N, C-alpha and C. Protein backbone atom coordinates (compact mmCIF):
# COMPACT_ATOMS: atom_id res chain seq x y z
N UNK A 1 -8.61 25.86 -5.08
CA UNK A 1 -8.28 24.53 -4.34
C UNK A 1 -6.81 24.32 -4.08
N UNK A 2 -6.61 23.53 -3.22
CA UNK A 2 -5.35 23.84 -3.01
C UNK A 2 -4.73 21.81 -3.10
N UNK A 3 -3.48 21.83 -3.10
CA UNK A 3 -3.30 20.04 -3.42
C UNK A 3 -3.14 19.15 -2.17
N UNK A 4 -3.28 19.72 -0.47
CA UNK A 4 -3.58 18.81 0.44
C UNK A 4 -5.04 18.86 0.45
N UNK A 5 -5.70 19.70 0.38
CA UNK A 5 -7.44 19.66 0.44
C UNK A 5 -7.81 18.74 -1.03
N UNK A 6 -7.31 18.90 -2.00
CA UNK A 6 -7.81 18.00 -3.33
C UNK A 6 -7.42 16.81 -2.90
N UNK A 7 -6.14 16.21 -1.74
CA UNK A 7 -5.88 14.64 -2.21
C UNK A 7 -7.15 14.17 -0.74
N UNK A 8 -7.07 15.23 0.46
CA UNK A 8 -9.10 14.53 0.88
C UNK A 8 -9.69 14.65 1.03
N UNK A 9 -10.19 15.52 -0.04
CA UNK A 9 -11.14 15.63 -0.58
C UNK A 9 -10.92 14.11 -1.29
N UNK A 10 -10.50 13.94 -3.02
CA UNK A 10 -10.48 12.30 -2.98
C UNK A 10 -10.24 11.22 -2.22
N UNK A 11 -9.57 11.45 -0.94
CA UNK A 11 -9.29 10.15 -0.33
C UNK A 11 -10.94 10.18 0.51
N UNK A 12 -11.36 10.87 0.99
CA UNK A 12 -13.12 10.99 1.14
C UNK A 12 -13.71 10.24 0.25
N UNK A 13 -14.28 10.72 -1.01
CA UNK A 13 -15.05 10.39 -1.58
C UNK A 13 -14.59 8.73 -1.94
N UNK A 14 -13.48 8.66 -1.77
CA UNK A 14 -12.90 7.05 -3.04
C UNK A 14 -13.29 6.30 -1.62
N UNK A 15 -12.57 6.69 -0.70
CA UNK A 15 -13.06 5.82 0.35
C UNK A 15 -14.38 5.29 1.17
N UNK A 16 -15.49 6.34 0.38
CA UNK A 16 -16.69 6.55 0.68
C UNK A 16 -17.67 5.47 -0.18
N UNK A 17 -16.80 5.17 -1.65
CA UNK A 17 -17.54 4.80 -2.27
C UNK A 17 -16.77 3.17 -2.32
N UNK A 18 -15.43 3.21 -1.57
CA UNK A 18 -14.71 1.34 -1.23
C UNK A 18 -15.44 0.87 0.35
N UNK A 19 -16.05 2.12 0.78
CA UNK A 19 -16.90 0.89 1.69
C UNK A 19 -18.46 0.59 1.80
N UNK A 20 -18.92 1.72 0.58
CA UNK A 20 -20.61 1.11 0.40
C UNK A 20 -20.46 0.34 -0.47
N UNK A 21 -19.05 0.02 -0.95
CA UNK A 21 -19.31 -1.52 -1.97
C UNK A 21 -18.74 -2.40 -1.04
N UNK A 22 -18.21 -2.54 0.02
CA UNK A 22 -17.86 -3.13 0.84
C UNK A 22 -19.28 -3.88 1.92
N UNK A 23 -20.02 -2.70 2.63
CA UNK A 23 -21.01 -3.26 3.27
C UNK A 23 -22.01 -3.93 2.46
N UNK A 24 -22.37 -3.18 0.70
CA UNK A 24 -23.47 -3.60 -0.19
C UNK A 24 -22.57 -5.17 0.32
N UNK A 25 -21.92 -5.37 0.09
CA UNK A 25 -21.11 -6.96 -0.01
C UNK A 25 -20.90 -7.83 1.06
N UNK A 26 -21.08 -7.33 2.29
CA UNK A 26 -21.38 -8.32 2.93
C UNK A 26 -22.54 -8.89 3.31
N UNK A 27 -23.43 -7.57 3.29
CA UNK A 27 -24.92 -7.96 4.01
C UNK A 27 -25.70 -8.60 2.64
N UNK A 28 -25.19 -8.91 1.47
CA UNK A 28 -25.49 -9.84 0.15
C UNK A 28 -26.01 -9.34 -1.04
N UNK A 29 -26.03 -8.24 -0.61
CA UNK A 29 -26.56 -7.74 -1.91
C UNK A 29 -25.77 -6.91 -3.46
N UNK A 30 -24.28 -7.46 -3.16
CA UNK A 30 -23.52 -7.24 -3.96
C UNK A 30 -22.53 -8.71 -3.83
N UNK A 31 -22.61 -9.41 -5.35
CA UNK A 31 -21.59 -10.91 -4.92
C UNK A 31 -20.26 -9.89 -5.52
N UNK A 32 -19.10 -10.15 -4.72
CA UNK A 32 -18.01 -9.63 -4.63
C UNK A 32 -16.79 -10.47 -4.19
N UNK A 33 -16.70 -11.49 -3.72
CA UNK A 33 -16.12 -12.91 -3.89
C UNK A 33 -15.26 -12.38 -2.26
N UNK A 34 -14.10 -12.26 -2.25
CA UNK A 34 -13.51 -12.29 -1.26
C UNK A 34 -12.83 -11.28 -0.91
N UNK A 35 -13.36 -9.84 -1.96
CA UNK A 35 -12.76 -8.89 -1.42
C UNK A 35 -13.76 -7.64 -0.58
N UNK A 36 -14.41 -8.46 0.19
CA UNK A 36 -15.31 -7.63 0.68
C UNK A 36 -15.18 -7.20 1.95
N UNK A 37 -13.95 -7.82 2.69
CA UNK A 37 -13.60 -7.45 3.85
C UNK A 37 -12.28 -6.57 3.66
N UNK A 38 -11.46 -6.54 2.96
CA UNK A 38 -10.61 -6.00 2.42
C UNK A 38 -11.00 -4.52 2.27
N UNK A 39 -11.78 -4.80 1.28
CA UNK A 39 -12.67 -2.76 1.24
C UNK A 39 -12.82 -2.94 2.05
N UNK A 40 -13.75 -2.97 3.29
CA UNK A 40 -14.42 -2.23 4.90
C UNK A 40 -12.86 -1.63 4.78
N UNK A 41 -12.08 -2.55 5.29
CA UNK A 41 -10.87 -2.35 6.09
C UNK A 41 -9.99 -1.05 5.64
N UNK A 42 -9.84 -1.12 4.51
CA UNK A 42 -9.18 -0.27 3.31
C UNK A 42 -10.21 1.22 3.31
N UNK A 43 -11.28 1.21 3.06
CA UNK A 43 -12.37 2.40 2.52
C UNK A 43 -12.41 2.65 4.39
N UNK A 44 -12.29 2.31 5.73
CA UNK A 44 -12.21 2.68 6.99
C UNK A 44 -10.76 3.60 6.98
N UNK A 45 -9.91 3.75 6.52
CA UNK A 45 -8.48 3.72 7.17
C UNK A 45 -8.63 5.24 5.89
N UNK A 46 -8.67 5.12 4.66
CA UNK A 46 -8.56 6.06 3.76
C UNK A 46 -9.74 6.91 4.10
N UNK A 47 -11.46 7.07 4.54
CA UNK A 47 -11.60 7.81 5.18
C UNK A 47 -11.34 8.31 6.16
N UNK A 48 -11.17 7.90 6.96
CA UNK A 48 -10.61 8.74 8.05
C UNK A 48 -8.86 9.30 8.06
N UNK A 49 -8.32 9.02 6.76
CA UNK A 49 -7.01 9.07 6.52
C UNK A 49 -7.41 10.80 5.66
N UNK A 50 -8.69 10.98 4.70
CA UNK A 50 -8.86 12.19 4.46
C UNK A 50 -9.95 12.87 5.13
N UNK A 51 -10.69 12.46 6.18
CA UNK A 51 -11.05 12.89 7.45
C UNK A 51 -10.09 14.15 7.89
N UNK A 52 -8.72 13.35 8.39
CA UNK A 52 -7.77 13.63 8.93
C UNK A 52 -7.03 14.95 7.85
N UNK A 53 -7.15 14.80 6.72
CA UNK A 53 -6.36 15.66 6.01
C UNK A 53 -7.14 16.88 5.67
N UNK A 54 -8.33 16.82 5.85
CA UNK A 54 -9.33 18.10 5.40
C UNK A 54 -9.32 19.00 7.03
N UNK A 55 -8.93 18.53 7.55
CA UNK A 55 -9.83 18.83 8.98
C UNK A 55 -8.47 19.98 9.63
N UNK A 56 -7.28 18.49 9.32
CA UNK A 56 -6.46 18.93 10.41
C UNK A 56 -5.32 19.80 9.83
N UNK A 57 -4.82 19.51 8.06
CA UNK A 57 -4.11 20.37 7.80
C UNK A 57 -4.36 22.37 7.26
N UNK A 58 -3.66 22.77 7.12
CA UNK A 58 -3.40 23.93 6.58
C UNK A 58 -4.05 24.19 5.20
N UNK A 59 -4.26 25.08 4.77
CA UNK A 59 -4.10 25.53 3.41
C UNK A 59 -2.79 25.94 2.96
N UNK A 60 -1.77 25.38 1.06
CA UNK A 60 -0.85 26.31 1.11
C UNK A 60 -0.75 27.38 0.93
N UNK A 61 -2.48 27.94 0.75
CA UNK A 61 -2.43 29.73 0.67
C UNK A 61 -2.42 30.06 1.85
N UNK A 62 -2.87 29.07 3.19
CA UNK A 62 -2.92 30.04 4.31
C UNK A 62 -1.20 29.96 4.53
N UNK A 63 -0.06 28.66 4.39
CA UNK A 63 1.07 28.52 4.63
C UNK A 63 2.10 30.05 3.96
N UNK A 64 1.18 29.74 3.16
CA UNK A 64 1.91 30.76 1.91
C UNK A 64 2.58 32.36 2.71
N UNK A 65 1.14 32.79 3.21
CA UNK A 65 0.22 34.13 3.70
C UNK A 65 1.26 33.79 5.21
N UNK A 66 1.70 33.17 5.62
CA UNK A 66 1.70 33.18 7.20
C UNK A 66 3.43 33.88 7.20
N UNK A 67 4.41 32.67 5.56
CA UNK A 67 5.53 33.36 5.58
C UNK A 67 6.27 34.25 5.29
N UNK A 68 4.97 35.06 4.80
CA UNK A 68 5.11 36.27 4.33
C UNK A 68 4.83 37.03 4.70
């Protein structure tokens, strides 16, 4: 696995965890204080950034093969 795909994967997993905690906090299952809405917003942004990296970026191996 290369660097771009790894970064996209980590962003997506981290965003999923952040979104889950934020949504649970909004609906009252967890008490997180005032950080519930920033967690939902940042989780959404990082989720779409991670999916975008996974979906639209070429692998570094594919780029090197195209250059040779």
